[in-house]
């Protein structure tokens, strides 16, 4: 088993990733839940909003980090 070196990750980057995961993960989870509940419109809206948040996150990370 090896150790992962996390010394290169700044505190600002860690907080940014954490905040986006707090938003991104529930969007996809709720989208899947709504699809299982046969609420297709709400499910796809959650999935689409999760995708939009992901694109914003990728743009933000490429600009600032």
N, C-alpha and C. Protein backbone atom coordinates (compact mmCIF):
# COMPACT_ATOMS: atom_id res chain seq x y z
N UNK A 1 0.84 -1.17 0.00
CA UNK A 1 0.00 0.00 0.00
C UNK A 1 0.89 1.24 0.00
N UNK A 2 0.55 2.21 -0.84
CA UNK A 2 1.34 3.42 -0.93
C UNK A 2 0.58 4.61 -0.38
N UNK A 3 1.31 5.64 -0.05
CA UNK A 3 0.71 6.87 0.45
C UNK A 3 0.61 7.89 -0.68
N UNK A 4 -0.43 8.70 -0.62
CA UNK A 4 -0.63 9.74 -1.62
C UNK A 4 -0.09 11.04 -1.05
N UNK A 5 0.73 11.73 -1.83
CA UNK A 5 1.30 13.00 -1.40
C UNK A 5 0.32 14.13 -1.70
N UNK A 6 -0.24 14.72 -0.67
CA UNK A 6 -1.21 15.81 -0.83
C UNK A 6 -0.62 17.16 -0.46
N UNK A 7 0.69 17.26 -0.39
CA UNK A 7 1.31 18.52 0.01
C UNK A 7 1.20 19.59 -1.07
N UNK A 8 0.96 19.20 -2.32
CA UNK A 8 0.85 20.18 -3.41
C UNK A 8 -0.52 20.82 -3.50
N UNK A 9 -1.49 20.33 -2.77
CA UNK A 9 -2.85 20.87 -2.82
C UNK A 9 -2.96 22.02 -1.83
N UNK A 10 -3.34 23.19 -2.36
CA UNK A 10 -3.49 24.35 -1.49
C UNK A 10 -4.82 24.29 -0.74
N UNK A 11 -4.91 25.08 0.30
CA UNK A 11 -6.15 25.10 1.09
C UNK A 11 -7.30 25.67 0.26
N UNK A 12 -7.03 26.65 -0.58
CA UNK A 12 -8.08 27.23 -1.43
C UNK A 12 -8.62 26.21 -2.42
N UNK A 13 -7.73 25.40 -2.98
CA UNK A 13 -8.17 24.38 -3.93
C UNK A 13 -8.99 23.31 -3.22
N UNK A 14 -8.57 22.92 -2.02
CA UNK A 14 -9.30 21.91 -1.26
C UNK A 14 -10.71 22.39 -0.94
N UNK A 15 -10.83 23.63 -0.49
CA UNK A 15 -12.14 24.18 -0.15
C UNK A 15 -13.01 24.30 -1.39
N UNK A 16 -12.43 24.71 -2.52
CA UNK A 16 -13.19 24.83 -3.76
C UNK A 16 -13.74 23.48 -4.20
N UNK A 17 -12.91 22.46 -4.19
CA UNK A 17 -13.35 21.12 -4.59
C UNK A 17 -14.42 20.61 -3.63
N UNK A 18 -14.24 20.85 -2.35
CA UNK A 18 -15.21 20.41 -1.35
C UNK A 18 -16.57 21.07 -1.56
N UNK A 19 -16.58 22.37 -1.80
CA UNK A 19 -17.85 23.08 -2.00
C UNK A 19 -18.56 22.61 -3.27
N UNK A 20 -17.81 22.38 -4.34
CA UNK A 20 -18.45 21.91 -5.56
C UNK A 20 -18.96 20.49 -5.40
N UNK A 21 -18.27 19.65 -4.64
CA UNK A 21 -18.76 18.29 -4.41
C UNK A 21 -20.02 18.29 -3.56
N UNK A 22 -20.12 19.24 -2.63
CA UNK A 22 -21.32 19.36 -1.81
C UNK A 22 -22.53 19.70 -2.67
N UNK A 23 -22.31 20.42 -3.77
CA UNK A 23 -23.40 20.79 -4.68
C UNK A 23 -23.60 19.71 -5.74
N UNK A 24 -22.50 19.20 -6.29
CA UNK A 24 -22.58 18.30 -7.44
C UNK A 24 -23.13 16.92 -7.11
N UNK A 25 -22.67 16.32 -6.05
CA UNK A 25 -23.09 14.96 -5.70
C UNK A 25 -24.59 14.85 -5.42
N UNK A 26 -25.18 15.76 -4.64
CA UNK A 26 -26.63 15.66 -4.42
C UNK A 26 -27.46 15.86 -5.69
N UNK A 27 -26.97 16.68 -6.62
CA UNK A 27 -27.71 16.89 -7.87
C UNK A 27 -27.86 15.57 -8.63
N UNK A 28 -26.76 14.84 -8.79
CA UNK A 28 -26.83 13.57 -9.50
C UNK A 28 -27.61 12.53 -8.70
N UNK A 29 -27.44 12.52 -7.39
CA UNK A 29 -28.17 11.55 -6.56
C UNK A 29 -29.67 11.79 -6.62
N UNK A 30 -30.08 13.05 -6.50
CA UNK A 30 -31.51 13.36 -6.59
C UNK A 30 -32.05 13.08 -7.99
N UNK A 31 -31.23 13.31 -9.01
CA UNK A 31 -31.67 13.02 -10.38
C UNK A 31 -31.94 11.54 -10.56
N UNK A 32 -31.05 10.69 -10.07
CA UNK A 32 -31.25 9.24 -10.17
C UNK A 32 -32.46 8.81 -9.35
N UNK A 33 -32.61 9.37 -8.16
CA UNK A 33 -33.77 9.05 -7.32
C UNK A 33 -35.07 9.41 -8.00
N UNK A 34 -35.12 10.60 -8.60
CA UNK A 34 -36.35 11.02 -9.29
C UNK A 34 -36.64 10.14 -10.50
N UNK A 35 -35.60 9.68 -11.19
CA UNK A 35 -35.85 8.78 -12.32
C UNK A 35 -36.42 7.45 -11.85
N UNK A 36 -35.95 6.94 -10.71
CA UNK A 36 -36.51 5.71 -10.16
C UNK A 36 -37.94 5.91 -9.67
N UNK A 37 -38.29 7.14 -9.31
CA UNK A 37 -39.65 7.44 -8.87
C UNK A 37 -40.57 7.77 -10.04
N UNK A 38 -40.09 7.60 -11.24
CA UNK A 38 -40.82 7.88 -12.48
C UNK A 38 -41.20 9.34 -12.63
N UNK A 39 -40.39 10.21 -12.07
CA UNK A 39 -40.56 11.65 -12.26
C UNK A 39 -39.46 12.09 -13.20
N UNK A 40 -39.67 11.80 -14.49
CA UNK A 40 -38.63 11.97 -15.49
C UNK A 40 -38.21 13.42 -15.67
N UNK A 41 -39.15 14.34 -15.68
CA UNK A 41 -38.81 15.74 -15.91
C UNK A 41 -37.92 16.26 -14.78
N UNK A 42 -38.29 15.99 -13.54
CA UNK A 42 -37.50 16.45 -12.40
C UNK A 42 -36.14 15.75 -12.39
N UNK A 43 -36.10 14.47 -12.72
CA UNK A 43 -34.85 13.72 -12.74
C UNK A 43 -33.88 14.27 -13.76
N UNK A 44 -34.39 14.53 -14.96
CA UNK A 44 -33.50 15.07 -15.99
C UNK A 44 -33.08 16.50 -15.69
N UNK A 45 -33.93 17.26 -15.02
CA UNK A 45 -33.55 18.62 -14.63
C UNK A 45 -32.43 18.59 -13.59
N UNK A 46 -32.52 17.69 -12.63
CA UNK A 46 -31.44 17.55 -11.64
C UNK A 46 -30.14 17.10 -12.32
N UNK A 47 -30.24 16.16 -13.23
CA UNK A 47 -29.05 15.69 -13.93
C UNK A 47 -28.45 16.80 -14.79
N UNK A 48 -29.30 17.56 -15.46
CA UNK A 48 -28.83 18.67 -16.28
C UNK A 48 -28.18 19.76 -15.43
N UNK A 49 -28.79 20.06 -14.29
CA UNK A 49 -28.20 21.07 -13.42
C UNK A 49 -26.88 20.57 -12.83
N UNK A 50 -26.78 19.28 -12.54
CA UNK A 50 -25.51 18.72 -12.10
C UNK A 50 -24.44 18.83 -13.17
N UNK A 51 -24.82 18.61 -14.41
CA UNK A 51 -23.88 18.75 -15.52
C UNK A 51 -23.43 20.19 -15.69
N UNK A 52 -24.35 21.13 -15.52
CA UNK A 52 -24.00 22.55 -15.61
C UNK A 52 -23.03 22.94 -14.49
N UNK A 53 -23.28 22.45 -13.28
CA UNK A 53 -22.37 22.72 -12.16
C UNK A 53 -21.00 22.11 -12.45
N UNK A 54 -20.95 20.94 -13.05
CA UNK A 54 -19.68 20.30 -13.39
C UNK A 54 -18.91 21.14 -14.41
N UNK A 55 -19.59 21.65 -15.41
CA UNK A 55 -18.93 22.48 -16.42
C UNK A 55 -18.41 23.77 -15.79
N UNK A 56 -19.20 24.38 -14.92
CA UNK A 56 -18.75 25.58 -14.21
C UNK A 56 -17.52 25.26 -13.36
N UNK A 57 -17.55 24.12 -12.69
CA UNK A 57 -16.41 23.70 -11.87
C UNK A 57 -15.16 23.53 -12.70
N UNK A 58 -15.27 22.85 -13.85
CA UNK A 58 -14.11 22.64 -14.70
C UNK A 58 -13.55 23.96 -15.22
N UNK A 59 -14.44 24.87 -15.59
CA UNK A 59 -14.01 26.19 -16.06
C UNK A 59 -13.31 26.96 -14.95
N UNK A 60 -13.90 26.94 -13.76
CA UNK A 60 -13.33 27.63 -12.62
C UNK A 60 -11.95 27.09 -12.27
N UNK A 61 -11.81 25.78 -12.28
CA UNK A 61 -10.52 25.16 -11.93
C UNK A 61 -9.46 25.45 -13.00
N UNK A 62 -9.84 25.47 -14.26
CA UNK A 62 -8.84 25.74 -15.30
C UNK A 62 -8.41 27.21 -15.30
N UNK A 63 -9.27 28.11 -14.86
CA UNK A 63 -8.92 29.53 -14.82
C UNK A 63 -8.07 29.85 -13.61
N UNK A 64 -8.48 29.40 -12.44
CA UNK A 64 -7.84 29.85 -11.20
C UNK A 64 -6.77 28.91 -10.66
N UNK A 65 -6.77 27.65 -11.05
CA UNK A 65 -5.77 26.72 -10.51
C UNK A 65 -5.03 26.12 -11.63
